[in-house]
Amino acid sequence: MPPFDMDFAKKTEDHIVGVIQSTYGCFHCNLGGDLRPNTKKDAKNLKKCTKCGIARYCSKECQVQDWKTNHREQCNNFCENRADGGFCFAECLRGSHFLDERTFQTSMQGRQQAFFQALQTQEQRPNFNLIVTCFEGHDEQVVLAVTVNFIDDDWEMRKIDHLVFEGVDQGQNAVRDINRGTGEISSETLQRVCDRVGNLCREMNQHGQVSSILLGRAIFKHLDNFKAHVEQVLGHNVHVTPDMAYAMRDML
């Protein structure tokens, strides 16, 4: 039986890298990039960073300067996140000058589609465990994140970090509420969370079965409402509990 392909999102990630490289050209001076269209002919002479293979430079001087100001940290993020097949590479670029929100959401949709396509190679229908959390993101957003765990045909535990990562509320009040000790979300935000997770569960049940869901702090306060909504969507019972890592953190 084939193991699950943890490089399922490679095509989407390669596309993101291509967009970044085409846009910025030299990561320091933008020579050869779309930001300096008159220099596009110079793109063929750019050299890649030998460590991450993503950043490109027109000269040693530009590479040294960018390493001092930006790329030292970026390079480590690029390497670590691309090495972990279950991690969402686009997420490490979100909110940076490299990736705008529209491109990010497009890449996330592609990643989700690639995940479900990869599941079709599995002979056994896996049981899925979801971890559903809400927290503050960029630009005063409340972000919904859903991580997926399952055992593949090769009896390997697979973790797909943040298969869903999208805004469900925005504004100072929403961010202030999510960061309070009580970690509240509004009833309207809860409804958006329930709808999004319900739709995800419905799609996942075409390939296996969502058997359990762990809820982060801001959502498990509404556990009964969340459980009722998801079970109504799926048509079967789901084991829904607080994520104890979040619960213990709040008790400390």
C-alpha atoms as a PDB file:
ATOM      1  CA  MET A   1       0.000   0.000   0.000  1.00  0.00           C
ATOM      2  CA  PRO A   2       1.435   3.408  -0.922  1.00  0.00           C
ATOM      3  CA  PRO A   3       2.300   5.933   1.777  1.00  0.00           C
ATOM      4  CA  PHE A   4       0.658   9.330   1.605  1.00  0.00           C
ATOM      5  CA  ASP A   5       2.701  11.775  -0.481  1.00  0.00           C
ATOM      6  CA  MET A   6       3.742  14.530   1.931  1.00  0.00           C
ATOM      7  CA  ASP A   7       5.036  16.546  -1.033  1.00  0.00           C
ATOM      8  CA  PHE A   8       1.461  16.848  -2.310  1.00  0.00           C
ATOM      9  CA  ALA A   9       1.710  20.668  -2.386  1.00  0.00           C
ATOM     10  CA  LYS A  10       5.044  20.864  -4.240  1.00  0.00           C
ATOM     11  CA  LYS A  11       3.482  22.025  -7.512  1.00  0.00           C
ATOM     12  CA  THR A  12       1.623  24.831  -5.749  1.00  0.00           C
ATOM     13  CA  GLU A  13       4.722  25.834  -3.790  1.00  0.00           C
ATOM     14  CA  ASP A  14       6.889  25.822  -6.922  1.00  0.00           C
ATOM     15  CA  HIS A  15       4.356  28.156  -8.531  1.00  0.00           C
ATOM     16  CA  ILE A  16       4.587  30.540  -5.558  1.00  0.00           C
ATOM     17  CA  VAL A  17       8.388  30.512  -5.767  1.00  0.00           C
ATOM     18  CA  GLY A  18       8.198  31.250  -9.488  1.00  0.00           C
ATOM     19  CA  VAL A  19       5.867  34.207  -8.906  1.00  0.00           C
ATOM     20  CA  ILE A  20       8.171  35.627  -6.226  1.00  0.00           C
ATOM     21  CA  GLN A  21      11.287  35.208  -8.330  1.00  0.00           C
ATOM     22  CA  SER A  22       9.669  36.733 -11.410  1.00  0.00           C
ATOM     23  CA  THR A  23       8.322  39.680  -9.441  1.00  0.00           C
ATOM     24  CA  TYR A  24      11.409  40.600  -7.432  1.00  0.00           C
ATOM     25  CA  GLY A  25      14.296  39.465  -9.614  1.00  0.00           C
ATOM     26  CA  CYS A  26      17.341  40.267  -7.494  1.00  0.00           C
ATOM     27  CA  PHE A  27      16.041  40.130  -3.918  1.00  0.00           C
ATOM     28  CA  HIS A  28      18.050  43.234  -3.032  1.00  0.00           C
ATOM     29  CA  CYS A  29      17.866  45.638  -5.987  1.00  0.00           C
ATOM     30  CA  ASN A  30      15.078  43.976  -8.056  1.00  0.00           C
ATOM     31  CA  LEU A  31      17.239  43.817 -11.198  1.00  0.00           C
ATOM     32  CA  GLY A  32      15.615  41.426 -13.672  1.00  0.00           C
ATOM     33  CA  GLY A  33      12.239  41.483 -11.925  1.00  0.00           C
ATOM     34  CA  ASP A  34       8.793  42.770 -12.779  1.00  0.00           C
ATOM     35  CA  LEU A  35       9.395  45.685 -10.407  1.00  0.00           C
ATOM     36  CA  ARG A  36      12.077  46.876 -12.828  1.00  0.00           C
ATOM     37  CA  PRO A  37      10.567  45.832 -16.183  1.00  0.00           C
ATOM     38  CA  ASN A  38      13.272  47.508 -18.243  1.00  0.00           C
ATOM     39  CA  THR A  39      15.795  45.061 -16.796  1.00  0.00           C
ATOM     40  CA  LYS A  40      13.887  41.781 -17.412  1.00  0.00           C
ATOM     41  CA  LYS A  41      16.580  40.685 -19.874  1.00  0.00           C
ATOM     42  CA  ASP A  42      19.007  40.459 -16.935  1.00  0.00           C
ATOM     43  CA  ALA A  43      16.937  37.775 -15.176  1.00  0.00           C
ATOM     44  CA  LYS A  44      18.893  34.998 -16.903  1.00  0.00           C
ATOM     45  CA  ASN A  45      22.077  36.129 -15.151  1.00  0.00           C
ATOM     46  CA  LEU A  46      20.701  35.980 -11.588  1.00  0.00           C
ATOM     47  CA  LYS A  47      22.227  33.439  -9.220  1.00  0.00           C
ATOM     48  CA  LYS A  48      20.246  31.527  -6.587  1.00  0.00           C
ATOM     49  CA  CYS A  49      21.058  31.367  -2.900  1.00  0.00           C
ATOM     50  CA  THR A  50      22.808  28.026  -2.525  1.00  0.00           C
ATOM     51  CA  LYS A  51      21.071  27.311   0.781  1.00  0.00           C
ATOM     52  CA  CYS A  52      17.366  27.919   0.085  1.00  0.00           C
ATOM     53  CA  GLY A  53      17.413  27.988  -3.723  1.00  0.00           C
ATOM     54  CA  ILE A  54      14.697  30.664  -3.718  1.00  0.00           C
ATOM     55  CA  ALA A  55      16.338  34.059  -3.317  1.00  0.00           C
ATOM     56  CA  ARG A  56      18.224  35.289  -6.399  1.00  0.00           C
ATOM     57  CA  TYR A  57      20.883  37.973  -6.756  1.00  0.00           C
ATOM     58  CA  CYS A  58      22.613  39.893  -9.508  1.00  0.00           C
ATOM     59  CA  SER A  59      25.909  40.232  -7.629  1.00  0.00           C
ATOM     60  CA  LYS A  60      27.799  39.149  -4.546  1.00  0.00           C
ATOM     61  CA  GLU A  61      27.415  42.664  -3.140  1.00  0.00           C
ATOM     62  CA  CYS A  62      23.600  42.510  -3.335  1.00  0.00           C
ATOM     63  CA  GLN A  63      23.584  39.075  -1.728  1.00  0.00           C
ATOM     64  CA  VAL A  64      25.761  40.227   1.192  1.00  0.00           C
ATOM     65  CA  GLN A  65      23.653  43.336   1.789  1.00  0.00           C
ATOM     66  CA  ASP A  66      20.371  41.409   1.641  1.00  0.00           C
ATOM     67  CA  TRP A  67      21.738  38.766   4.014  1.00  0.00           C
ATOM     68  CA  LYS A  68      22.467  41.452   6.568  1.00  0.00           C
ATOM     69  CA  THR A  69      19.079  43.183   6.291  1.00  0.00           C
ATOM     70  CA  ASN A  70      16.547  40.495   5.309  1.00  0.00           C
ATOM     71  CA  HIS A  71      17.586  37.139   4.001  1.00  0.00           C
ATOM     72  CA  ARG A  72      19.347  35.673   7.035  1.00  0.00           C
ATOM     73  CA  GLU A  73      15.981  35.094   8.722  1.00  0.00           C
ATOM     74  CA  GLN A  74      14.066  34.497   5.489  1.00  0.00           C
ATOM     75  CA  CYS A  75      16.504  31.816   4.360  1.00  0.00           C
ATOM     76  CA  ASN A  76      16.010  29.774   7.520  1.00  0.00           C
ATOM     77  CA  ASN A  77      12.228  30.058   7.201  1.00  0.00           C
ATOM     78  CA  PHE A  78      12.316  29.001   3.564  1.00  0.00           C
ATOM     79  CA  CYS A  79      14.495  25.975   4.305  1.00  0.00           C
ATOM     80  CA  GLU A  80      12.642  24.790   7.404  1.00  0.00           C
ATOM     81  CA  ASN A  81       9.153  25.179   5.960  1.00  0.00           C
ATOM     82  CA  ARG A  82       9.855  23.615   2.584  1.00  0.00           C
ATOM     83  CA  ALA A  83      11.587  20.668   4.278  1.00  0.00           C
ATOM     84  CA  ASP A  84       8.439  19.884   6.277  1.00  0.00           C
ATOM     85  CA  GLY A  85       5.996  18.505   3.723  1.00  0.00           C
ATOM     86  CA  GLY A  86       3.069  18.965   6.072  1.00  0.00           C
ATOM     87  CA  PHE A  87       3.769  22.631   6.702  1.00  0.00           C
ATOM     88  CA  CYS A  88       2.071  25.326   4.655  1.00  0.00           C
ATOM     89  CA  PHE A  89       4.906  27.108   2.830  1.00  0.00           C
ATOM     90  CA  ALA A  90       2.691  30.005   1.749  1.00  0.00           C
ATOM     91  CA  GLU A  91       1.881  30.724   5.383  1.00  0.00           C
ATOM     92  CA  CYS A  92       5.471  31.728   6.170  1.00  0.00           C
ATOM     93  CA  LEU A  93       5.204  34.336   3.392  1.00  0.00           C
ATOM     94  CA  ARG A  94       1.791  35.689   4.365  1.00  0.00           C
ATOM     95  CA  GLY A  95       1.897  39.277   5.519  1.00  0.00           C
ATOM     96  CA  SER A  96       5.355  39.817   4.032  1.00  0.00           C
ATOM     97  CA  HIS A  97       6.075  41.934   0.989  1.00  0.00           C
ATOM     98  CA  PHE A  98       6.541  38.716  -0.985  1.00  0.00           C
ATOM     99  CA  LEU A  99       2.941  37.504  -0.985  1.00  0.00           C
ATOM    100  CA  ASP A 100      -0.241  39.575  -1.023  1.00  0.00           C
ATOM    101  CA  GLU A 101      -3.491  38.265   0.469  1.00  0.00           C
ATOM    102  CA  ARG A 102      -5.082  37.407  -2.870  1.00  0.00           C
ATOM    103  CA  THR A 103      -2.112  35.317  -4.011  1.00  0.00           C
ATOM    104  CA  PHE A 104      -1.975  33.680  -0.589  1.00  0.00           C
ATOM    105  CA  GLN A 105      -5.633  32.602  -0.690  1.00  0.00           C
ATOM    106  CA  THR A 106      -5.231  31.315  -4.254  1.00  0.00           C
ATOM    107  CA  SER A 107      -2.231  29.241  -3.187  1.00  0.00           C
ATOM    108  CA  MET A 108      -4.158  27.890  -0.192  1.00  0.00           C
ATOM    109  CA  GLN A 109      -7.004  26.775  -2.446  1.00  0.00           C
ATOM    110  CA  GLY A 110      -4.487  25.007  -4.672  1.00  0.00           C
ATOM    111  CA  ARG A 111      -2.907  23.342  -1.634  1.00  0.00           C
ATOM    112  CA  GLN A 112      -6.280  22.064  -0.426  1.00  0.00           C
ATOM    113  CA  GLN A 113      -7.121  20.666  -3.862  1.00  0.00           C
ATOM    114  CA  ALA A 114      -3.725  18.946  -4.031  1.00  0.00           C
ATOM    115  CA  PHE A 115      -4.314  17.413  -0.588  1.00  0.00           C
ATOM    116  CA  PHE A 116      -7.614  15.854  -1.619  1.00  0.00           C
ATOM    117  CA  GLN A 117      -6.103  14.594  -4.864  1.00  0.00           C
ATOM    118  CA  ALA A 118      -3.282  12.952  -2.895  1.00  0.00           C
ATOM    119  CA  LEU A 119      -5.842  11.248  -0.650  1.00  0.00           C
ATOM    120  CA  GLN A 120      -7.233   9.437  -3.689  1.00  0.00           C
ATOM    121  CA  THR A 121      -4.092   7.267  -3.768  1.00  0.00           C
ATOM    122  CA  GLN A 122      -4.995   5.766  -0.388  1.00  0.00           C
ATOM    123  CA  GLU A 123      -6.723   2.379  -0.516  1.00  0.00           C
ATOM    124  CA  GLN A 124      -8.059   2.638   3.030  1.00  0.00           C
ATOM    125  CA  ARG A 125     -10.434   5.405   4.061  1.00  0.00           C
ATOM    126  CA  PRO A 126      -8.643   7.131   6.961  1.00  0.00           C
ATOM    127  CA  ASN A 127     -10.153   8.556  10.123  1.00  0.00           C
ATOM    128  CA  PHE A 128      -9.329  12.249  10.372  1.00  0.00           C
ATOM    129  CA  ASN A 129      -8.625  14.223  13.527  1.00  0.00           C
ATOM    130  CA  LEU A 130      -8.959  18.004  13.163  1.00  0.00           C
ATOM    131  CA  ILE A 131      -7.477  20.713  15.380  1.00  0.00           C
ATOM    132  CA  VAL A 132      -9.515  23.906  14.996  1.00  0.00           C
ATOM    133  CA  THR A 133      -8.223  27.192  16.440  1.00  0.00           C
ATOM    134  CA  CYS A 134      -8.807  30.936  16.110  1.00  0.00           C
ATOM    135  CA  PHE A 135      -6.157  33.551  16.851  1.00  0.00           C
ATOM    136  CA  GLU A 136      -4.915  37.004  15.848  1.00  0.00           C
ATOM    137  CA  GLY A 137      -3.328  37.206  12.427  1.00  0.00           C
ATOM    138  CA  HIS A 138      -1.989  40.057  10.293  1.00  0.00           C
ATOM    139  CA  ASP A 139      -3.805  43.358   9.805  1.00  0.00           C
ATOM    140  CA  GLU A 140      -6.198  42.995  12.751  1.00  0.00           C
ATOM    141  CA  GLN A 141      -7.622  39.724  11.458  1.00  0.00           C
ATOM    142  CA  VAL A 142      -9.038  36.849  13.460  1.00  0.00           C
ATOM    143  CA  VAL A 143      -7.750  33.760  11.660  1.00  0.00           C
ATOM    144  CA  LEU A 144      -9.313  30.309  11.510  1.00  0.00           C
ATOM    145  CA  ALA A 145      -6.704  27.543  11.251  1.00  0.00           C
ATOM    146  CA  VAL A 146      -7.440  23.840  10.796  1.00  0.00           C
ATOM    147  CA  THR A 147      -4.709  21.187  11.128  1.00  0.00           C
ATOM    148  CA  VAL A 148      -5.397  17.607   9.997  1.00  0.00           C
ATOM    149  CA  ASN A 149      -3.979  14.383  11.469  1.00  0.00           C
ATOM    150  CA  PHE A 150      -4.536  10.881  10.074  1.00  0.00           C
ATOM    151  CA  ILE A 151      -2.851   7.488   9.630  1.00  0.00           C
ATOM    152  CA  ASP A 152      -2.085   6.568   6.018  1.00  0.00           C
ATOM    153  CA  ASP A 153      -2.023   3.187   4.257  1.00  0.00           C
ATOM    154  CA  ASP A 154       1.580   2.673   5.381  1.00  0.00           C
ATOM    155  CA  TRP A 155       0.510   3.093   9.049  1.00  0.00           C
ATOM    156  CA  GLU A 156       2.365   6.382   9.298  1.00  0.00           C
ATOM    157  CA  MET A 157       0.876   9.271  11.284  1.00  0.00           C
ATOM    158  CA  ARG A 158       0.539  12.269   8.982  1.00  0.00           C
ATOM    159  CA  LYS A 159       0.122  15.871  10.116  1.00  0.00           C
ATOM    160  CA  ILE A 160      -0.978  18.544   7.654  1.00  0.00           C
ATOM    161  CA  ASP A 161      -0.469  21.928   9.308  1.00  0.00           C
ATOM    162  CA  HIS A 162      -3.114  24.543   8.578  1.00  0.00           C
ATOM    163  CA  LEU A 163      -4.954  22.979   5.669  1.00  0.00           C
ATOM    164  CA  VAL A 164      -7.273  25.923   6.286  1.00  0.00           C
ATOM    165  CA  PHE A 165      -5.815  29.309   7.218  1.00  0.00           C
ATOM    166  CA  GLU A 166      -8.157  32.215   6.524  1.00  0.00           C
ATOM    167  CA  GLY A 167      -9.689  35.298   8.083  1.00  0.00           C
ATOM    168  CA  VAL A 168     -13.103  34.973   9.735  1.00  0.00           C
ATOM    169  CA  ASP A 169     -13.309  38.387  11.435  1.00  0.00           C
ATOM    170  CA  GLN A 170     -11.466  41.706  11.374  1.00  0.00           C
ATOM    171  CA  GLY A 171     -11.093  44.882  13.389  1.00  0.00           C
ATOM    172  CA  GLN A 172      -9.699  46.117  16.689  1.00  0.00           C
ATOM    173  CA  ASN A 173     -12.655  44.865  18.719  1.00  0.00           C
ATOM    174  CA  ALA A 174     -12.444  41.367  17.270  1.00  0.00           C
ATOM    175  CA  VAL A 175      -8.695  41.162  17.882  1.00  0.00           C
ATOM    176  CA  ARG A 176      -9.042  42.571  21.396  1.00  0.00           C
ATOM    177  CA  ASP A 177     -11.691  39.976  22.248  1.00  0.00           C
ATOM    178  CA  ILE A 178      -9.651  37.055  20.906  1.00  0.00           C
ATOM    179  CA  ASN A 179      -6.646  38.186  22.980  1.00  0.00           C
ATOM    180  CA  ARG A 180      -8.511  38.613  26.264  1.00  0.00           C
ATOM    181  CA  GLY A 181      -8.065  36.042  28.993  1.00  0.00           C
ATOM    182  CA  THR A 182     -11.487  34.676  28.096  1.00  0.00           C
ATOM    183  CA  GLY A 183     -10.625  34.459  24.398  1.00  0.00           C
ATOM    184  CA  GLU A 184     -14.103  35.289  23.103  1.00  0.00           C
ATOM    185  CA  ILE A 185     -15.384  35.248  19.533  1.00  0.00           C
ATOM    186  CA  SER A 186     -18.708  36.736  18.473  1.00  0.00           C
ATOM    187  CA  SER A 187     -21.737  34.653  17.512  1.00  0.00           C
ATOM    188  CA  GLU A 188     -21.316  35.855  13.914  1.00  0.00           C
ATOM    189  CA  THR A 189     -17.689  34.723  13.848  1.00  0.00           C
ATOM    190  CA  LEU A 190     -18.664  31.384  15.382  1.00  0.00           C
ATOM    191  CA  GLN A 191     -21.204  30.886  12.591  1.00  0.00           C
ATOM    192  CA  ARG A 192     -18.535  31.554   9.953  1.00  0.00           C
ATOM    193  CA  VAL A 193     -16.192  29.104  11.697  1.00  0.00           C
ATOM    194  CA  CYS A 194     -18.919  26.444  11.865  1.00  0.00           C
ATOM    195  CA  ASP A 195     -19.821  26.907   8.198  1.00  0.00           C
ATOM    196  CA  ARG A 196     -16.196  26.697   7.027  1.00  0.00           C
ATOM    197  CA  VAL A 197     -15.307  23.693   9.178  1.00  0.00           C
ATOM    198  CA  GLY A 198     -18.577  21.994   8.251  1.00  0.00           C
ATOM    199  CA  ASN A 199     -17.832  22.372   4.542  1.00  0.00           C
ATOM    200  CA  LEU A 200     -14.299  21.064   5.067  1.00  0.00           C
ATOM    201  CA  CYS A 201     -15.621  18.053   7.003  1.00  0.00           C
ATOM    202  CA  ARG A 202     -18.136  17.310   4.265  1.00  0.00           C
ATOM    203  CA  GLU A 203     -15.368  17.227   1.672  1.00  0.00           C
ATOM    204  CA  MET A 204     -13.077  15.157   3.892  1.00  0.00           C
ATOM    205  CA  ASN A 205     -15.833  12.598   4.408  1.00  0.00           C
ATOM    206  CA  GLN A 206     -15.711  11.865   0.687  1.00  0.00           C
ATOM    207  CA  HIS A 207     -12.239  10.379   1.271  1.00  0.00           C
ATOM    208  CA  GLY A 208     -12.561   9.020   4.825  1.00  0.00           C
ATOM    209  CA  GLN A 209     -14.337  10.082   7.988  1.00  0.00           C
ATOM    210  CA  VAL A 210     -13.853  12.963  10.402  1.00  0.00           C
ATOM    211  CA  SER A 211     -13.939  11.122  13.710  1.00  0.00           C
ATOM    212  CA  SER A 212     -12.735  13.738  16.201  1.00  0.00           C
ATOM    213  CA  ILE A 213     -12.174  17.475  16.496  1.00  0.00           C
ATOM    214  CA  LEU A 214     -10.056  19.319  19.059  1.00  0.00           C
ATOM    215  CA  LEU A 215     -11.047  22.924  19.664  1.00  0.00           C
ATOM    216  CA  GLY A 216      -8.823  25.818  20.657  1.00  0.00           C
ATOM    217  CA  ARG A 217      -9.679  28.192  23.482  1.00  0.00           C
ATOM    218  CA  ALA A 218     -11.865  30.678  21.638  1.00  0.00           C
ATOM    219  CA  ILE A 219     -14.074  27.972  20.124  1.00  0.00           C
ATOM    220  CA  PHE A 220     -14.413  25.343  22.856  1.00  0.00           C
ATOM    221  CA  LYS A 221     -16.341  27.900  24.901  1.00  0.00           C
ATOM    222  CA  HIS A 222     -19.031  27.313  22.265  1.00  0.00           C
ATOM    223  CA  LEU A 223     -18.480  23.542  22.104  1.00  0.00           C
ATOM    224  CA  ASP A 224     -22.144  22.490  22.154  1.00  0.00           C
ATOM    225  CA  ASN A 225     -23.157  24.863  19.358  1.00  0.00           C
ATOM    226  CA  PHE A 226     -20.125  23.925  17.277  1.00  0.00           C
ATOM    227  CA  LYS A 227     -20.691  20.172  17.735  1.00  0.00           C
ATOM    228  CA  ALA A 228     -24.390  20.424  16.846  1.00  0.00           C
ATOM    229  CA  HIS A 229     -23.666  22.388  13.672  1.00  0.00           C
ATOM    230  CA  VAL A 230     -20.911  20.067  12.398  1.00  0.00           C
ATOM    231  CA  GLU A 231     -22.916  16.906  13.157  1.00  0.00           C
ATOM    232  CA  GLN A 232     -25.891  18.362  11.320  1.00  0.00           C
ATOM    233  CA  VAL A 233     -23.688  18.948   8.263  1.00  0.00           C
ATOM    234  CA  LEU A 234     -22.107  15.471   8.394  1.00  0.00           C
ATOM    235  CA  GLY A 235     -25.111  13.435   9.456  1.00  0.00           C
ATOM    236  CA  HIS A 236     -23.126  11.466  12.048  1.00  0.00           C
ATOM    237  CA  ASN A 237     -21.699  11.967  15.532  1.00  0.00           C
ATOM    238  CA  VAL A 238     -18.245  13.510  15.978  1.00  0.00           C
ATOM    239  CA  HIS A 239     -16.124  13.414  19.121  1.00  0.00           C
ATOM    240  CA  VAL A 240     -15.499  17.106  19.905  1.00  0.00           C
ATOM    241  CA  THR A 241     -13.278  18.095  22.846  1.00  0.00           C
ATOM    242  CA  PRO A 242     -11.097  21.013  23.973  1.00  0.00           C
ATOM    243  CA  ASP A 243      -7.505  20.884  22.806  1.00  0.00           C
ATOM    244  CA  MET A 244      -5.856  20.214  26.171  1.00  0.00           C
ATOM    245  CA  ALA A 245      -2.702  22.074  25.139  1.00  0.00           C
ATOM    246  CA  TYR A 246      -4.770  25.239  24.900  1.00  0.00           C
ATOM    247  CA  ALA A 247      -6.840  24.422  27.973  1.00  0.00           C
ATOM    248  CA  MET A 248      -3.770  23.834  30.161  1.00  0.00           C
ATOM    249  CA  ARG A 249      -2.117  27.015  28.901  1.00  0.00           C
ATOM    250  CA  ASP A 250      -5.161  29.036  29.973  1.00  0.00           C
ATOM    251  CA  MET A 251      -5.090  27.469  33.438  1.00  0.00           C
ATOM    252  CA  LEU A 252      -1.436  28.371  34.093  1.00  0.00           C
END
